C-alpha atoms as a PDB file:
ATOM      1  CA  UNK A   1     -54.290  51.568  14.402  1.00  0.00           C
ATOM      2  CA  UNK A   2     -52.674  55.383  15.403  1.00  0.00           C
ATOM      3  CA  UNK A   3     -55.032  57.300  14.223  1.00  0.00           C
ATOM      4  CA  UNK A   4     -57.764  56.050  15.681  1.00  0.00           C
ATOM      5  CA  UNK A   5     -56.576  54.817  19.618  1.00  0.00           C
ATOM      6  CA  UNK A   6     -55.918  57.505  22.653  1.00  0.00           C
ATOM      7  CA  UNK A   7     -52.739  57.687  22.863  1.00  0.00           C
ATOM      8  CA  UNK A   8     -53.182  57.606  26.767  1.00  0.00           C
ATOM      9  CA  UNK A   9     -55.114  55.289  26.488  1.00  0.00           C
ATOM     10  CA  UNK A  10     -53.036  52.861  25.509  1.00  0.00           C
ATOM     11  CA  UNK A  11     -50.315  53.377  27.168  1.00  0.00           C
ATOM     12  CA  UNK A  12     -52.631  52.543  30.134  1.00  0.00           C
ATOM     13  CA  UNK A  13     -49.946  49.957  32.496  1.00  0.00           C
ATOM     14  CA  UNK A  14     -46.949  51.265  30.204  1.00  0.00           C
ATOM     15  CA  UNK A  15     -46.179  54.960  31.777  1.00  0.00           C
ATOM     16  CA  UNK A  16     -49.501  55.754  32.620  1.00  0.00           C
ATOM     17  CA  UNK A  17     -52.452  55.841  34.768  1.00  0.00           C
ATOM     18  CA  UNK A  18     -55.829  55.641  35.241  1.00  0.00           C
ATOM     19  CA  UNK A  19     -57.942  58.946  35.376  1.00  0.00           C
ATOM     20  CA  UNK A  20     -60.216  57.072  37.924  1.00  0.00           C
ATOM     21  CA  UNK A  21     -58.613  54.702  40.496  1.00  0.00           C
ATOM     22  CA  UNK A  22     -61.130  52.499  42.349  1.00  0.00           C
ATOM     23  CA  UNK A  23     -62.352  48.886  42.634  1.00  0.00           C
ATOM     24  CA  UNK A  24     -66.490  48.972  42.624  1.00  0.00           C
ATOM     25  CA  UNK A  25     -68.288  45.364  42.904  1.00  0.00           C
ATOM     26  CA  UNK A  26     -70.222  44.564  39.444  1.00  0.00           C
ATOM     27  CA  UNK A  27     -74.240  46.375  40.929  1.00  0.00           C
ATOM     28  CA  UNK A  28     -72.305  49.533  42.299  1.00  0.00           C
ATOM     29  CA  UNK A  29     -70.241  50.068  38.975  1.00  0.00           C
ATOM     30  CA  UNK A  30     -72.437  52.406  37.158  1.00  0.00           C
ATOM     31  CA  UNK A  31     -72.969  55.061  39.778  1.00  0.00           C
ATOM     32  CA  UNK A  32     -69.615  55.304  40.432  1.00  0.00           C
ATOM     33  CA  UNK A  33     -68.720  55.911  36.789  1.00  0.00           C
ATOM     34  CA  UNK A  34     -71.949  58.221  36.907  1.00  0.00           C
ATOM     35  CA  UNK A  35     -70.749  60.178  39.860  1.00  0.00           C
ATOM     36  CA  UNK A  36     -67.640  60.252  38.271  1.00  0.00           C
ATOM     37  CA  UNK A  37     -68.784  61.888  35.174  1.00  0.00           C
ATOM     38  CA  UNK A  38     -70.357  64.193  37.670  1.00  0.00           C
ATOM     39  CA  UNK A  39     -67.536  65.217  39.588  1.00  0.00           C
ATOM     40  CA  UNK A  40     -65.660  66.409  36.582  1.00  0.00           C
ATOM     41  CA  UNK A  41     -68.294  68.051  34.396  1.00  0.00           C
ATOM     42  CA  UNK A  42     -69.002  69.855  37.763  1.00  0.00           C
ATOM     43  CA  UNK A  43     -66.389  70.888  37.908  1.00  0.00           C
ATOM     44  CA  UNK A  44     -65.077  71.860  34.756  1.00  0.00           C
ATOM     45  CA  UNK A  45     -68.492  73.937  34.478  1.00  0.00           C
ATOM     46  CA  UNK A  46     -67.563  75.841  37.545  1.00  0.00           C
ATOM     47  CA  UNK A  47     -64.198  76.496  36.551  1.00  0.00           C
ATOM     48  CA  UNK A  48     -63.811  77.159  33.169  1.00  0.00           C
ATOM     49  CA  UNK A  49     -60.671  80.042  33.960  1.00  0.00           C
ATOM     50  CA  UNK A  50     -59.131  77.697  35.978  1.00  0.00           C
ATOM     51  CA  UNK A  51     -57.309  75.927  33.374  1.00  0.00           C
ATOM     52  CA  UNK A  52     -58.020  72.561  34.552  1.00  0.00           C
ATOM     53  CA  UNK A  53     -56.246  69.990  32.528  1.00  0.00           C
ATOM     54  CA  UNK A  54     -57.542  66.909  33.906  1.00  0.00           C
ATOM     55  CA  UNK A  55     -59.439  65.693  37.659  1.00  0.00           C
ATOM     56  CA  UNK A  56     -57.925  62.444  38.900  1.00  0.00           C
ATOM     57  CA  UNK A  57     -60.165  60.093  41.140  1.00  0.00           C
ATOM     58  CA  UNK A  58     -59.159  57.885  43.962  1.00  0.00           C
ATOM     59  CA  UNK A  59     -61.815  55.976  46.205  1.00  0.00           C
ATOM     60  CA  UNK A  60     -61.665  54.944  49.524  1.00  0.00           C
ATOM     61  CA  UNK A  61     -64.548  52.300  51.980  1.00  0.00           C
ATOM     62  CA  UNK A  62     -66.372  55.577  52.676  1.00  0.00           C
ATOM     63  CA  UNK A  63     -63.642  58.486  51.211  1.00  0.00           C
ATOM     64  CA  UNK A  64     -63.426  60.440  47.884  1.00  0.00           C
ATOM     65  CA  UNK A  65     -60.544  61.782  46.879  1.00  0.00           C
ATOM     66  CA  UNK A  66     -60.024  64.036  44.352  1.00  0.00           C
ATOM     67  CA  UNK A  67     -56.904  65.475  42.647  1.00  0.00           C
ATOM     68  CA  UNK A  68     -57.795  68.719  40.312  1.00  0.00           C
ATOM     69  CA  UNK A  69     -54.590  69.341  38.506  1.00  0.00           C
ATOM     70  CA  UNK A  70     -55.073  73.073  37.114  1.00  0.00           C
ATOM     71  CA  UNK A  71     -52.152  76.107  35.552  1.00  0.00           C
ATOM     72  CA  UNK A  72     -54.459  78.595  37.986  1.00  0.00           C
ATOM     73  CA  UNK A  73     -54.843  77.245  41.853  1.00  0.00           C
ATOM     74  CA  UNK A  74     -55.887  80.074  43.264  1.00  0.00           C
ATOM     75  CA  UNK A  75     -58.946  80.441  41.161  1.00  0.00           C
ATOM     76  CA  UNK A  76     -60.228  77.730  42.987  1.00  0.00           C
ATOM     77  CA  UNK A  77     -58.930  77.870  46.242  1.00  0.00           C
ATOM     78  CA  UNK A  78     -60.721  81.221  46.161  1.00  0.00           C
ATOM     79  CA  UNK A  79     -59.079  83.835  49.007  1.00  0.00           C
ATOM     80  CA  UNK A  80     -58.575  82.099  52.557  1.00  0.00           C
ATOM     81  CA  UNK A  81     -59.844  78.506  51.255  1.00  0.00           C
ATOM     82  CA  UNK A  82     -63.396  80.419  50.914  1.00  0.00           C
ATOM     83  CA  UNK A  83     -63.609  78.835  47.049  1.00  0.00           C
ATOM     84  CA  UNK A  84     -62.265  75.369  47.925  1.00  0.00           C
ATOM     85  CA  UNK A  85     -64.368  74.605  50.593  1.00  0.00           C
ATOM     86  CA  UNK A  86     -67.437  75.661  49.256  1.00  0.00           C
ATOM     87  CA  UNK A  87     -66.649  73.245  46.183  1.00  0.00           C
ATOM     88  CA  UNK A  88     -65.586  70.317  48.671  1.00  0.00           C
ATOM     89  CA  UNK A  89     -69.436  70.837  50.420  1.00  0.00           C
ATOM     90  CA  UNK A  90     -70.995  70.925  46.969  1.00  0.00           C
ATOM     91  CA  UNK A  91     -69.142  67.667  45.937  1.00  0.00           C
ATOM     92  CA  UNK A  92     -69.987  65.880  49.752  1.00  0.00           C
ATOM     93  CA  UNK A  93     -73.780  66.179  48.154  1.00  0.00           C
ATOM     94  CA  UNK A  94     -73.528  64.257  45.283  1.00  0.00           C
ATOM     95  CA  UNK A  95     -71.651  61.162  46.296  1.00  0.00           C
ATOM     96  CA  UNK A  96     -72.711  61.904  50.655  1.00  0.00           C
ATOM     97  CA  UNK A  97     -69.212  60.728  51.442  1.00  0.00           C
ATOM     98  CA  UNK A  98     -66.114  62.164  52.688  1.00  0.00           C
ATOM     99  CA  UNK A  99     -64.585  64.274  50.211  1.00  0.00           C
ATOM    100  CA  UNK A 100     -60.657  65.835  50.305  1.00  0.00           C
ATOM    101  CA  UNK A 101     -59.617  67.533  47.365  1.00  0.00           C
ATOM    102  CA  UNK A 102     -55.718  68.110  46.814  1.00  0.00           C
ATOM    103  CA  UNK A 103     -55.677  71.061  44.485  1.00  0.00           C
ATOM    104  CA  UNK A 104     -51.989  70.424  42.037  1.00  0.00           C
ATOM    105  CA  UNK A 105     -50.096  73.174  39.877  1.00  0.00           C
ATOM    106  CA  UNK A 106     -48.814  72.648  36.219  1.00  0.00           C
ATOM    107  CA  UNK A 107     -45.873  73.947  36.588  1.00  0.00           C
ATOM    108  CA  UNK A 108     -45.651  73.539  32.642  1.00  0.00           C
ATOM    109  CA  UNK A 109     -48.348  74.339  30.745  1.00  0.00           C
ATOM    110  CA  UNK A 110     -47.827  74.787  27.156  1.00  0.00           C
ATOM    111  CA  UNK A 111     -46.591  71.286  27.013  1.00  0.00           C
ATOM    112  CA  UNK A 112     -50.030  70.192  28.745  1.00  0.00           C
ATOM    113  CA  UNK A 113     -51.954  68.825  25.695  1.00  0.00           C
ATOM    114  CA  UNK A 114     -55.612  69.351  26.897  1.00  0.00           C
ATOM    115  CA  UNK A 115     -54.654  73.668  28.398  1.00  0.00           C
ATOM    116  CA  UNK A 116     -53.036  73.827  24.675  1.00  0.00           C
ATOM    117  CA  UNK A 117     -56.861  72.449  23.377  1.00  0.00           C
ATOM    118  CA  UNK A 118     -58.995  74.527  25.880  1.00  0.00           C
ATOM    119  CA  UNK A 119     -55.995  77.621  24.875  1.00  0.00           C
ATOM    120  CA  UNK A 120     -57.053  77.685  20.815  1.00  0.00           C
ATOM    121  CA  UNK A 121     -60.372  76.778  21.393  1.00  0.00           C
ATOM    122  CA  UNK A 122     -61.229  79.896  23.664  1.00  0.00           C
ATOM    123  CA  UNK A 123     -59.957  81.587  20.763  1.00  0.00           C
ATOM    124  CA  UNK A 124     -61.630  80.848  17.838  1.00  0.00           C
ATOM    125  CA  UNK A 125     -64.446  81.671  20.634  1.00  0.00           C
ATOM    126  CA  UNK A 126     -63.771  85.517  20.411  1.00  0.00           C
ATOM    127  CA  UNK A 127     -62.844  85.220  16.638  1.00  0.00           C
ATOM    128  CA  UNK A 128     -58.598  85.070  16.955  1.00  0.00           C
ATOM    129  CA  UNK A 129     -58.040  83.883  12.804  1.00  0.00           C
ATOM    130  CA  UNK A 130     -57.698  80.218  13.551  1.00  0.00           C
ATOM    131  CA  UNK A 131     -53.628  79.694  11.553  1.00  0.00           C
ATOM    132  CA  UNK A 132     -52.562  81.660  13.701  1.00  0.00           C
ATOM    133  CA  UNK A 133     -54.033  81.180  17.348  1.00  0.00           C
ATOM    134  CA  UNK A 134     -53.041  76.973  16.310  1.00  0.00           C
ATOM    135  CA  UNK A 135     -49.119  78.180  14.842  1.00  0.00           C
ATOM    136  CA  UNK A 136     -48.814  80.091  18.453  1.00  0.00           C
ATOM    137  CA  UNK A 137     -49.701  77.422  20.900  1.00  0.00           C
ATOM    138  CA  UNK A 138     -47.716  75.038  18.555  1.00  0.00           C
ATOM    139  CA  UNK A 139     -44.744  78.289  19.056  1.00  0.00           C
ATOM    140  CA  UNK A 140     -44.963  78.835  22.258  1.00  0.00           C
ATOM    141  CA  UNK A 141     -44.823  74.401  23.282  1.00  0.00           C
ATOM    142  CA  UNK A 142     -42.117  73.401  21.131  1.00  0.00           C
ATOM    143  CA  UNK A 143     -40.018  76.851  22.824  1.00  0.00           C
ATOM    144  CA  UNK A 144     -41.068  74.801  26.454  1.00  0.00           C
ATOM    145  CA  UNK A 145     -39.657  71.934  25.272  1.00  0.00           C
ATOM    146  CA  UNK A 146     -41.813  70.033  23.374  1.00  0.00           C
ATOM    147  CA  UNK A 147     -39.947  67.238  20.566  1.00  0.00           C
ATOM    148  CA  UNK A 148     -43.261  67.449  18.118  1.00  0.00           C
ATOM    149  CA  UNK A 149     -46.912  68.535  18.780  1.00  0.00           C
ATOM    150  CA  UNK A 150     -49.493  67.905  16.382  1.00  0.00           C
ATOM    151  CA  UNK A 151     -53.319  69.880  16.332  1.00  0.00           C
ATOM    152  CA  UNK A 152     -56.587  68.981  13.946  1.00  0.00           C
ATOM    153  CA  UNK A 153     -58.970  71.257  13.708  1.00  0.00           C
ATOM    154  CA  UNK A 154     -62.076  70.114  12.565  1.00  0.00           C
ATOM    155  CA  UNK A 155     -65.009  71.891  11.611  1.00  0.00           C
ATOM    156  CA  UNK A 156     -66.738  75.361   9.938  1.00  0.00           C
ATOM    157  CA  UNK A 157     -63.117  76.691   9.622  1.00  0.00           C
ATOM    158  CA  UNK A 158     -63.249  80.016   8.729  1.00  0.00           C
ATOM    159  CA  UNK A 159     -66.971  80.406   8.471  1.00  0.00           C
ATOM    160  CA  UNK A 160     -66.844  78.570   5.687  1.00  0.00           C
ATOM    161  CA  UNK A 161     -69.987  76.382   3.923  1.00  0.00           C
ATOM    162  CA  UNK A 162     -68.625  72.622   3.561  1.00  0.00           C
ATOM    163  CA  UNK A 163     -66.414  71.701   6.980  1.00  0.00           C
ATOM    164  CA  UNK A 164     -63.215  70.631   6.662  1.00  0.00           C
ATOM    165  CA  UNK A 165     -59.710  69.340   8.389  1.00  0.00           C
ATOM    166  CA  UNK A 166     -56.295  70.812   8.753  1.00  0.00           C
ATOM    167  CA  UNK A 167     -53.658  69.836   9.860  1.00  0.00           C
ATOM    168  CA  UNK A 168     -50.578  70.980  11.846  1.00  0.00           C
ATOM    169  CA  UNK A 169     -47.283  69.047  12.080  1.00  0.00           C
ATOM    170  CA  UNK A 170     -43.936  70.502  13.894  1.00  0.00           C
ATOM    171  CA  UNK A 171     -41.268  67.763  15.194  1.00  0.00           C
ATOM    172  CA  UNK A 172     -42.086  64.026  15.619  1.00  0.00           C
ATOM    173  CA  UNK A 173     -45.406  61.951  17.297  1.00  0.00           C
ATOM    174  CA  UNK A 174     -44.529  58.624  17.439  1.00  0.00           C
ATOM    175  CA  UNK A 175     -47.364  57.366  18.602  1.00  0.00           C
ATOM    176  CA  UNK A 176     -47.050  53.393  18.216  1.00  0.00           C
ATOM    177  CA  UNK A 177     -43.652  53.922  20.224  1.00  0.00           C
ATOM    178  CA  UNK A 178     -45.065  53.069  23.209  1.00  0.00           C
ATOM    179  CA  UNK A 179     -42.370  54.036  25.806  1.00  0.00           C
ATOM    180  CA  UNK A 180     -42.548  57.943  24.362  1.00  0.00           C
ATOM    181  CA  UNK A 181     -44.993  60.243  26.947  1.00  0.00           C
ATOM    182  CA  UNK A 182     -47.688  61.575  24.404  1.00  0.00           C
ATOM    183  CA  UNK A 183     -50.130  63.358  25.838  1.00  0.00           C
ATOM    184  CA  UNK A 184     -53.025  64.274  24.157  1.00  0.00           C
ATOM    185  CA  UNK A 185     -55.485  66.634  24.462  1.00  0.00           C
ATOM    186  CA  UNK A 186     -59.352  67.085  23.339  1.00  0.00           C
ATOM    187  CA  UNK A 187     -61.398  70.399  23.411  1.00  0.00           C
ATOM    188  CA  UNK A 188     -65.116  71.972  21.479  1.00  0.00           C
ATOM    189  CA  UNK A 189     -65.324  75.769  20.413  1.00  0.00           C
ATOM    190  CA  UNK A 190     -68.791  77.181  20.349  1.00  0.00           C
ATOM    191  CA  UNK A 191     -68.269  79.478  17.446  1.00  0.00           C
ATOM    192  CA  UNK A 192     -71.386  81.263  15.319  1.00  0.00           C
ATOM    193  CA  UNK A 193     -71.269  78.250  13.039  1.00  0.00           C
ATOM    194  CA  UNK A 194     -70.896  75.332  15.453  1.00  0.00           C
ATOM    195  CA  UNK A 195     -68.368  73.806  16.661  1.00  0.00           C
ATOM    196  CA  UNK A 196     -64.957  73.556  16.115  1.00  0.00           C
ATOM    197  CA  UNK A 197     -63.173  70.311  17.630  1.00  0.00           C
ATOM    198  CA  UNK A 198     -59.740  70.947  18.459  1.00  0.00           C
ATOM    199  CA  UNK A 199     -57.745  67.964  19.164  1.00  0.00           C
ATOM    200  CA  UNK A 200     -54.526  68.090  19.954  1.00  0.00           C
ATOM    201  CA  UNK A 201     -50.794  65.442  20.003  1.00  0.00           C
ATOM    202  CA  UNK A 202     -47.290  66.632  22.570  1.00  0.00           C
ATOM    203  CA  UNK A 203     -44.579  64.664  22.123  1.00  0.00           C
ATOM    204  CA  UNK A 204     -42.292  65.428  25.824  1.00  0.00           C
ATOM    205  CA  UNK A 205     -39.851  62.014  25.419  1.00  0.00           C
ATOM    206  CA  UNK A 206     -39.554  59.723  26.405  1.00  0.00           C
ATOM    207  CA  UNK A 207     -39.993  57.021  29.595  1.00  0.00           C
ATOM    208  CA  UNK A 208     -37.157  54.542  30.513  1.00  0.00           C
ATOM    209  CA  UNK A 209     -36.955  51.816  33.368  1.00  0.00           C
ATOM    210  CA  UNK A 210     -34.540  51.407  35.195  1.00  0.00           C
ATOM    211  CA  UNK A 211     -33.542  47.819  37.381  1.00  0.00           C
ATOM    212  CA  UNK A 212     -35.779  48.567  39.749  1.00  0.00           C
ATOM    213  CA  UNK A 213     -39.316  49.839  37.626  1.00  0.00           C
ATOM    214  CA  UNK A 214     -38.772  53.165  38.222  1.00  0.00           C
ATOM    215  CA  UNK A 215     -39.699  55.415  35.509  1.00  0.00           C
ATOM    216  CA  UNK A 216     -36.627  57.590  33.929  1.00  0.00           C
ATOM    217  CA  UNK A 217     -37.783  60.232  31.941  1.00  0.00           C
ATOM    218  CA  UNK A 218     -35.722  60.949  29.021  1.00  0.00           C
ATOM    219  CA  UNK A 219     -35.669  64.130  27.148  1.00  0.00           C
ATOM    220  CA  UNK A 220     -33.833  63.774  23.772  1.00  0.00           C
ATOM    221  CA  UNK A 221     -33.457  67.615  24.189  1.00  0.00           C
ATOM    222  CA  UNK A 222     -30.951  67.479  26.957  1.00  0.00           C
ATOM    223  CA  UNK A 223     -29.278  64.865  25.523  1.00  0.00           C
ATOM    224  CA  UNK A 224     -28.717  67.048  22.539  1.00  0.00           C
ATOM    225  CA  UNK A 225     -28.419  70.063  24.360  1.00  0.00           C
ATOM    226  CA  UNK A 226     -25.498  68.247  26.898  1.00  0.00           C
ATOM    227  CA  UNK A 227     -23.835  66.942  23.442  1.00  0.00           C
ATOM    228  CA  UNK A 228     -23.414  69.897  21.742  1.00  0.00           C
ATOM    229  CA  UNK A 229     -21.379  71.913  25.148  1.00  0.00           C
ATOM    230  CA  UNK A 230     -19.332  68.885  26.098  1.00  0.00           C
ATOM    231  CA  UNK A 231     -18.273  69.691  22.100  1.00  0.00           C
ATOM    232  CA  UNK A 232     -17.523  73.603  22.822  1.00  0.00           C
ATOM    233  CA  UNK A 233     -15.828  72.415  26.468  1.00  0.00           C
ATOM    234  CA  UNK A 234     -13.708  70.645  23.960  1.00  0.00           C
ATOM    235  CA  UNK A 235     -13.172  72.978  21.194  1.00  0.00           C
ATOM    236  CA  UNK A 236     -12.666  76.159  23.433  1.00  0.00           C
ATOM    237  CA  UNK A 237      -9.904  74.141  24.584  1.00  0.00           C
ATOM    238  CA  UNK A 238      -5.950  76.205  23.736  1.00  0.00           C
ATOM    239  CA  UNK A 239      -3.804  74.203  21.448  1.00  0.00           C
ATOM    240  CA  UNK A 240      -0.523  72.771  23.293  1.00  0.00           C
ATOM    241  CA  UNK A 241       2.612  74.942  21.956  1.00  0.00           C
ATOM    242  CA  UNK A 242       4.398  72.600  19.319  1.00  0.00           C
END
């Protein structure tokens, strides 16, 4: 099952949440879904260089709130906020409702699965060797604090006549553990040989809940570092004189 189910969809309601958070009546549901699709496609198309991770859409009565998670917020905001105002006007014309846009910066782009996939796709379009590109982003993610990374690249790799799939993995990816915080991303690289798909899984640690039902992030690497420092502190003490 782990090879077929989106790890984010599997964890919705447990440690993950929907990217479209609204309720609609039966006859308005298809229209709202189509509007969400058009909004995300429009934002992605007009801000390709902004490294957009995800777009969260919330709907109220006559208001649409859009939260854009990006690694380069300055590109979307523009000089003196001109670009974001233009974007707000364009989306307002698409949905005919009051639109508010919030920009949230992605602190660690090397740990975001969607940004990793898009980074590899961009390098493949620039004719960088796919093995070199994948190994580079895996090293960056592991050095950034990831517990495990897996990247699957499929298509006419290296211009081969027969398409194939290659998997690169480092660390562990517990797909069936629901408390495991696993991020998933997908991107396509349009090369001269055709489309190459890149799927990325990033394991960031476990998320446990306290008695108050508040999520508490638990990263195994931090615990190991703490134990290591405690042992070093204990071993560095001078032995008492006999």
